[in-house]
Amino acid sequence: MTHERWLHVEGLRIRCLRAGERGPAVVLLHGGGIDSASLSWRLAVEALAPYSRVYAPDLPGYGASDKPPIAYTTEFFIEFMQRLLDALELPTVNLIGLSMGGAIALGVALRAPQRIEKLVLVDSYGLQERFPWHFLVWALTRWPTLQNIAVLPIRYSKVLLRWGMRVLTGNPSFITPELVEEVAQWARHPHARRAFAWWLRDEIGWNSVKTNFLRELARIEAPVLLIHGERDRVVPVEAARRAHRLLKNARLFVISGCGHWAPRERPEEVHRAILEFLASPHSTGI
């Protein structure tokens, strides 16, 4: 049974979903935008709980956690996650990250390798030099008025919100009215995009992204599972394929026809891949 746990970390009040009483510790990190632990990982928490002790926090600035006006950068989140693991009394974990959460997980694995048992990267950021439509994304981060014009209609119109969600998917048939309403509830929060807007502004240069771990991947000793949607429009699948070649001990699972939000678009396949990976006593690259 999933329940909420509230923590105070670095002066911030953090919500964390918690389930499972035995087995290895698994921490699930959500993505950016208006994401939260509930949105991306609620189903996974339930699927993994019979086999693991599962923790899924709302990162600062997201979900129900505190949203102070601070500098939200990838480095901030990497440092914060290490303090959060301390607060949870988890010296070692299996760390699973989606999109932005994948980059945070990679950062923790590189900065504190002794804490990572296994690493799962789902449609992970941090593996590419540029975004698709990179100049447009950069322009949105530099002109707040243009960003507000792009974001406000999505916040208040479910039709436009559904259209925005379609960009993240390979097959939009899973976008039900209930899922749209679930996303809309988080989108209506007055500070729902503060952290992501700040993070984007720090991350996106006019010609490249700030966080690119490709040159450091060979240093990761822990077993890694890369799960990636074949039709991911945010982080193209070739980024995962290149990372797979650079990592010492990695598996790559490409989900045919899937987009960027694999945990919600194809949850059963994601859960099965994670469970098989965590259960394997010795992971070898394939």
Protein backbone atom coordinates (compact mmCIF):
# COMPACT_ATOMS: atom_id res chain seq x y z
CA MET A 1 0.00 0.00 0.00
CA THR A 2 1.37 3.41 -1.00
CA HIS A 3 1.48 6.18 1.58
CA GLU A 4 2.95 9.68 1.85
CA ARG A 5 5.98 10.51 3.93
CA TRP A 6 7.02 14.10 4.59
CA LEU A 7 10.67 15.00 5.05
CA HIS A 8 12.58 18.17 5.86
CA VAL A 9 15.72 18.36 3.72
CA GLU A 10 17.95 21.43 3.41
CA GLY A 11 15.16 23.49 4.99
CA LEU A 12 12.57 22.31 2.45
CA ARG A 13 9.44 20.25 3.09
CA ILE A 14 9.48 17.32 0.67
CA ARG A 15 6.72 14.85 -0.11
CA CYS A 16 7.78 11.26 -0.78
CA LEU A 17 5.61 8.33 -1.85
CA ARG A 18 6.55 5.18 0.06
CA ALA A 19 5.63 1.52 -0.42
CA GLY A 20 7.08 -1.95 0.18
CA GLU A 21 8.52 -3.40 3.37
CA ARG A 22 11.34 -5.67 2.22
CA GLY A 23 13.89 -6.09 -0.54
CA PRO A 24 16.34 -3.62 -2.10
CA ALA A 25 15.83 0.13 -1.81
CA VAL A 26 14.57 1.74 -5.02
CA VAL A 27 14.28 5.51 -5.51
CA LEU A 28 12.28 6.86 -8.45
CA LEU A 29 12.99 10.36 -9.80
CA HIS A 30 10.42 12.11 -11.98
CA GLY A 31 11.04 14.44 -14.91
CA GLY A 32 10.69 18.17 -15.49
CA GLY A 33 7.85 20.29 -16.82
CA ILE A 34 4.92 19.97 -14.43
CA ASP A 35 5.81 16.42 -13.45
CA SER A 36 5.58 14.83 -9.99
CA ALA A 37 6.19 11.47 -8.36
CA SER A 38 2.47 10.71 -8.64
CA LEU A 39 2.19 11.62 -12.30
CA SER A 40 5.06 9.56 -13.66
CA TRP A 41 5.71 6.90 -11.04
CA ARG A 42 2.51 6.07 -9.11
CA LEU A 43 1.93 2.93 -11.17
CA ALA A 44 5.57 1.89 -10.85
CA VAL A 45 5.52 2.34 -7.08
CA GLU A 46 2.63 -0.12 -6.89
CA ALA A 47 4.29 -2.58 -9.31
CA LEU A 48 7.69 -2.57 -7.56
CA ALA A 49 6.44 -2.57 -3.95
CA PRO A 50 5.98 -6.37 -3.62
CA TYR A 51 9.69 -6.82 -4.36
CA SER A 52 11.36 -3.64 -3.08
CA ARG A 53 11.31 -0.79 -0.60
CA VAL A 54 10.19 1.99 -2.95
CA TYR A 55 10.59 5.76 -2.51
CA ALA A 56 9.34 8.35 -5.02
CA PRO A 57 9.97 11.97 -3.95
CA ASP A 58 8.57 15.17 -5.38
CA LEU A 59 11.72 17.15 -6.11
CA PRO A 60 11.93 20.73 -4.79
CA GLY A 61 9.78 22.96 -6.97
CA TYR A 62 7.57 20.07 -8.08
CA GLY A 63 4.42 18.25 -7.02
CA ALA A 64 3.44 18.90 -3.41
CA SER A 65 6.98 19.72 -2.23
CA ASP A 66 8.06 23.25 -1.36
CA LYS A 67 8.56 25.60 -4.33
CA PRO A 68 10.78 28.43 -3.13
CA PRO A 69 12.20 31.01 -5.57
CA ILE A 70 15.71 29.55 -5.69
CA ALA A 71 18.17 28.60 -8.42
CA TYR A 72 16.97 25.24 -9.74
CA THR A 73 19.87 23.71 -11.66
CA THR A 74 20.95 20.15 -12.39
CA GLU A 75 23.82 20.53 -9.93
CA PHE A 76 21.39 21.73 -7.26
CA PHE A 77 19.22 18.63 -7.76
CA ILE A 78 22.25 16.28 -7.74
CA GLU A 79 23.45 17.71 -4.42
CA PHE A 80 19.91 17.73 -3.04
CA MET A 81 19.36 14.07 -3.91
CA GLN A 82 22.39 13.04 -1.86
CA ARG A 83 20.98 14.92 1.15
CA LEU A 84 17.58 13.31 0.53
CA LEU A 85 19.14 9.83 0.55
CA ASP A 86 20.74 10.74 3.87
CA ALA A 87 17.36 11.84 5.24
CA LEU A 88 15.82 8.55 4.10
CA GLU A 89 18.73 6.69 5.75
CA LEU A 90 19.60 4.94 2.50
CA PRO A 91 23.39 4.49 2.21
CA THR A 92 22.99 2.60 -1.08
CA VAL A 93 20.09 2.50 -3.55
CA ASN A 94 18.89 1.41 -6.93
CA LEU A 95 18.28 4.77 -8.56
CA ILE A 96 15.75 5.17 -11.37
CA GLY A 97 15.32 8.46 -13.23
CA LEU A 98 12.99 9.69 -15.97
CA SER A 99 14.08 12.47 -18.35
CA MET A 100 15.46 15.26 -16.11
CA GLY A 101 15.41 12.74 -13.27
CA GLY A 102 17.69 10.54 -15.35
CA ALA A 103 20.29 13.30 -15.54
CA ILE A 104 20.03 13.75 -11.77
CA ALA A 105 20.48 10.00 -11.27
CA LEU A 106 23.51 10.03 -13.57
CA GLY A 107 24.99 12.92 -11.62
CA VAL A 108 24.60 11.09 -8.32
CA ALA A 109 26.16 7.94 -9.83
CA LEU A 110 29.17 9.97 -10.98
CA ARG A 111 29.57 12.10 -7.82
CA ALA A 112 28.84 9.36 -5.27
CA PRO A 113 29.33 6.00 -7.01
CA GLN A 114 29.52 4.14 -3.68
CA ARG A 115 25.81 4.86 -3.15
CA ILE A 116 24.55 3.27 -6.36
CA GLU A 117 23.80 -0.44 -6.65
CA LYS A 118 22.08 -0.28 -10.02
CA LEU A 119 20.99 2.59 -12.26
CA VAL A 120 17.94 2.78 -14.54
CA LEU A 121 17.65 5.64 -17.05
CA VAL A 122 14.24 6.08 -18.67
CA ASP A 123 14.16 8.44 -21.67
CA SER A 124 17.02 10.14 -19.87
CA TYR A 125 18.24 13.68 -20.33
CA GLY A 126 22.00 14.30 -20.01
CA LEU A 127 22.96 12.16 -23.03
CA GLN A 128 22.81 14.70 -25.87
CA GLU A 129 24.51 17.88 -27.05
CA ARG A 130 21.34 19.64 -28.19
CA PHE A 131 17.58 19.41 -28.00
CA PRO A 132 15.43 18.86 -31.07
CA TRP A 133 14.13 22.34 -32.04
CA HIS A 134 17.03 23.64 -29.94
CA PHE A 135 16.94 27.30 -31.00
CA LEU A 136 13.18 27.53 -30.31
CA VAL A 137 13.66 26.05 -26.83
CA TRP A 138 16.50 28.51 -26.19
CA ALA A 139 14.36 31.43 -27.38
CA LEU A 140 11.51 30.43 -25.03
CA THR A 141 13.92 30.50 -22.08
CA ARG A 142 15.22 33.96 -22.94
CA TRP A 143 11.95 35.80 -23.56
CA PRO A 144 9.55 35.28 -20.62
CA THR A 145 6.66 36.90 -22.49
CA LEU A 146 7.01 34.38 -25.32
CA GLN A 147 7.19 31.59 -22.74
CA ASN A 148 4.01 32.79 -21.02
CA ILE A 149 2.18 32.94 -24.35
CA ALA A 150 3.19 29.33 -24.97
CA VAL A 151 2.41 28.06 -21.45
CA LEU A 152 -0.67 29.87 -20.15
CA PRO A 153 -3.16 28.44 -22.66
CA ILE A 154 -1.93 24.92 -21.86
CA ARG A 155 -2.39 25.60 -18.14
CA TYR A 156 -6.04 26.62 -18.51
CA SER A 157 -7.26 24.69 -21.57
CA LYS A 158 -7.61 20.92 -21.42
CA VAL A 159 -7.74 20.78 -25.22
CA LEU A 160 -4.36 22.47 -25.50
CA LEU A 161 -3.04 20.48 -22.55
CA ARG A 162 -3.96 17.27 -24.35
CA TRP A 163 -2.17 18.57 -27.46
CA GLY A 164 0.94 19.29 -25.37
CA MET A 165 0.84 15.78 -23.91
CA ARG A 166 0.66 14.28 -27.40
CA VAL A 167 4.13 15.68 -28.11
CA LEU A 168 5.47 13.40 -25.36
CA THR A 169 3.88 10.25 -26.73
CA GLY A 170 4.35 7.81 -29.55
CA ASN A 171 0.72 6.66 -29.51
CA PRO A 172 -1.69 9.18 -27.91
CA SER A 173 -4.48 6.63 -27.42
CA PHE A 174 -3.47 6.24 -23.75
CA ILE A 175 -4.25 9.93 -23.04
CA THR A 176 -7.63 9.53 -21.35
CA PRO A 177 -9.80 12.37 -19.98
CA GLU A 178 -8.85 11.13 -16.50
CA LEU A 179 -5.13 11.44 -17.27
CA VAL A 180 -5.61 14.93 -18.72
CA GLU A 181 -7.44 15.99 -15.55
CA GLU A 182 -4.67 14.48 -13.42
CA VAL A 183 -2.06 16.54 -15.26
CA ALA A 184 -4.30 19.63 -15.21
CA GLN A 185 -4.53 19.54 -11.43
CA TRP A 186 -0.76 19.93 -11.13
CA ALA A 187 -0.61 22.48 -13.97
CA ARG A 188 -3.01 24.84 -12.16
CA HIS A 189 -0.66 25.42 -9.26
CA PRO A 190 0.54 29.06 -9.48
CA HIS A 191 4.21 27.99 -9.20
CA ALA A 192 3.92 24.73 -11.13
CA ARG A 193 6.51 25.73 -13.76
CA ARG A 194 8.83 27.95 -11.72
CA ALA A 195 11.45 25.25 -11.14
CA PHE A 196 11.35 24.00 -14.72
CA ALA A 197 11.56 27.50 -16.22
CA TRP A 198 14.61 28.29 -14.07
CA TRP A 199 16.18 24.92 -14.87
CA LEU A 200 15.68 25.41 -18.63
CA ARG A 201 17.18 28.88 -18.53
CA ASP A 202 20.29 27.51 -16.84
CA GLU A 203 20.49 24.41 -19.05
CA ILE A 204 19.91 25.71 -22.56
CA GLY A 205 22.66 27.65 -24.30
CA TRP A 206 22.02 29.03 -27.75
CA ASN A 207 23.87 26.13 -29.40
CA SER A 208 24.15 23.35 -26.79
CA VAL A 209 22.92 22.07 -23.44
CA LYS A 210 24.83 22.50 -20.19
CA THR A 211 24.43 18.96 -18.82
CA ASN A 212 25.99 16.37 -21.09
CA PHE A 213 27.47 13.32 -19.36
CA LEU A 214 28.58 11.45 -22.49
CA ARG A 215 32.29 11.95 -21.79
CA GLU A 216 31.90 10.65 -18.23
CA LEU A 217 29.79 7.54 -18.84
CA ALA A 218 32.79 5.21 -19.03
CA ARG A 219 33.50 5.97 -15.34
CA ILE A 220 30.24 4.38 -14.19
CA GLU A 221 30.89 0.92 -12.76
CA ALA A 222 27.34 0.11 -11.61
CA PRO A 223 25.06 -1.93 -13.89
CA VAL A 224 22.85 0.36 -15.99
CA LEU A 225 19.54 -0.26 -17.73
CA LEU A 226 18.54 2.21 -20.45
CA ILE A 227 14.82 2.21 -21.28
CA HIS A 228 13.90 4.44 -24.19
CA GLY A 229 10.91 5.12 -26.39
CA GLU A 230 11.59 4.55 -30.06
CA ARG A 231 9.57 7.67 -30.95
CA ASP A 232 10.94 9.96 -28.24
CA ARG A 233 10.82 13.51 -29.66
CA VAL A 234 12.56 15.13 -26.67
CA VAL A 235 15.58 12.84 -26.29
CA PRO A 236 15.94 10.91 -29.57
CA VAL A 237 16.57 7.19 -29.14
CA GLU A 238 19.99 7.53 -30.78
CA ALA A 239 21.15 9.28 -27.58
CA ALA A 240 20.38 6.12 -25.60
CA ARG A 241 22.05 3.93 -28.22
CA ARG A 242 25.21 6.02 -28.05
CA ALA A 243 25.18 5.94 -24.24
CA HIS A 244 24.78 2.16 -24.36
CA ARG A 245 27.97 1.91 -26.40
CA LEU A 246 29.90 4.12 -23.96
CA LEU A 247 28.80 2.50 -20.70
CA LYS A 248 30.83 -0.44 -19.36
CA ASN A 249 27.96 -2.54 -18.09
CA ALA A 250 24.66 -1.59 -19.69
CA ARG A 251 21.51 -3.04 -21.15
CA LEU A 252 19.33 -1.17 -23.65
CA PHE A 253 15.60 -1.75 -23.96
CA VAL A 254 13.93 0.23 -26.76
CA ILE A 255 10.12 0.30 -26.62
CA SER A 256 8.74 0.20 -30.15
CA GLY A 257 6.31 2.98 -31.00
CA CYS A 258 6.70 4.68 -27.59
CA GLY A 259 7.40 8.35 -26.93
CA HIS A 260 9.12 10.25 -24.11
CA TRP A 261 6.73 9.38 -21.26
CA ALA A 262 7.26 5.61 -21.23
CA PRO A 263 6.20 5.02 -17.58
CA ARG A 264 2.69 6.22 -18.39
CA GLU A 265 2.44 5.29 -22.07
CA ARG A 266 3.76 1.72 -21.71
CA PRO A 267 3.85 1.04 -17.97
CA GLU A 268 3.70 -2.76 -18.05
CA GLU A 269 6.75 -3.02 -20.32
CA VAL A 270 8.68 -0.51 -18.23
CA HIS A 271 7.83 -2.30 -14.97
CA ARG A 272 8.75 -5.71 -16.39
CA ALA A 273 12.11 -4.46 -17.66
CA ILE A 274 12.93 -2.81 -14.32
CA LEU A 275 11.92 -5.84 -12.26
CA GLU A 276 13.96 -8.24 -14.41
CA PHE A 277 16.98 -5.93 -14.22
CA LEU A 278 16.78 -5.48 -10.45
CA ALA A 279 16.32 -9.24 -9.92
CA SER A 280 19.35 -10.23 -12.00
CA PRO A 281 22.25 -11.05 -9.62
CA HIS A 282 24.92 -10.04 -12.11
CA SER A 283 24.11 -7.61 -14.93
CA THR A 284 26.11 -7.87 -18.12
CA GLY A 285 25.92 -5.48 -21.01
CA ILE A 286 23.81 -6.60 -23.95
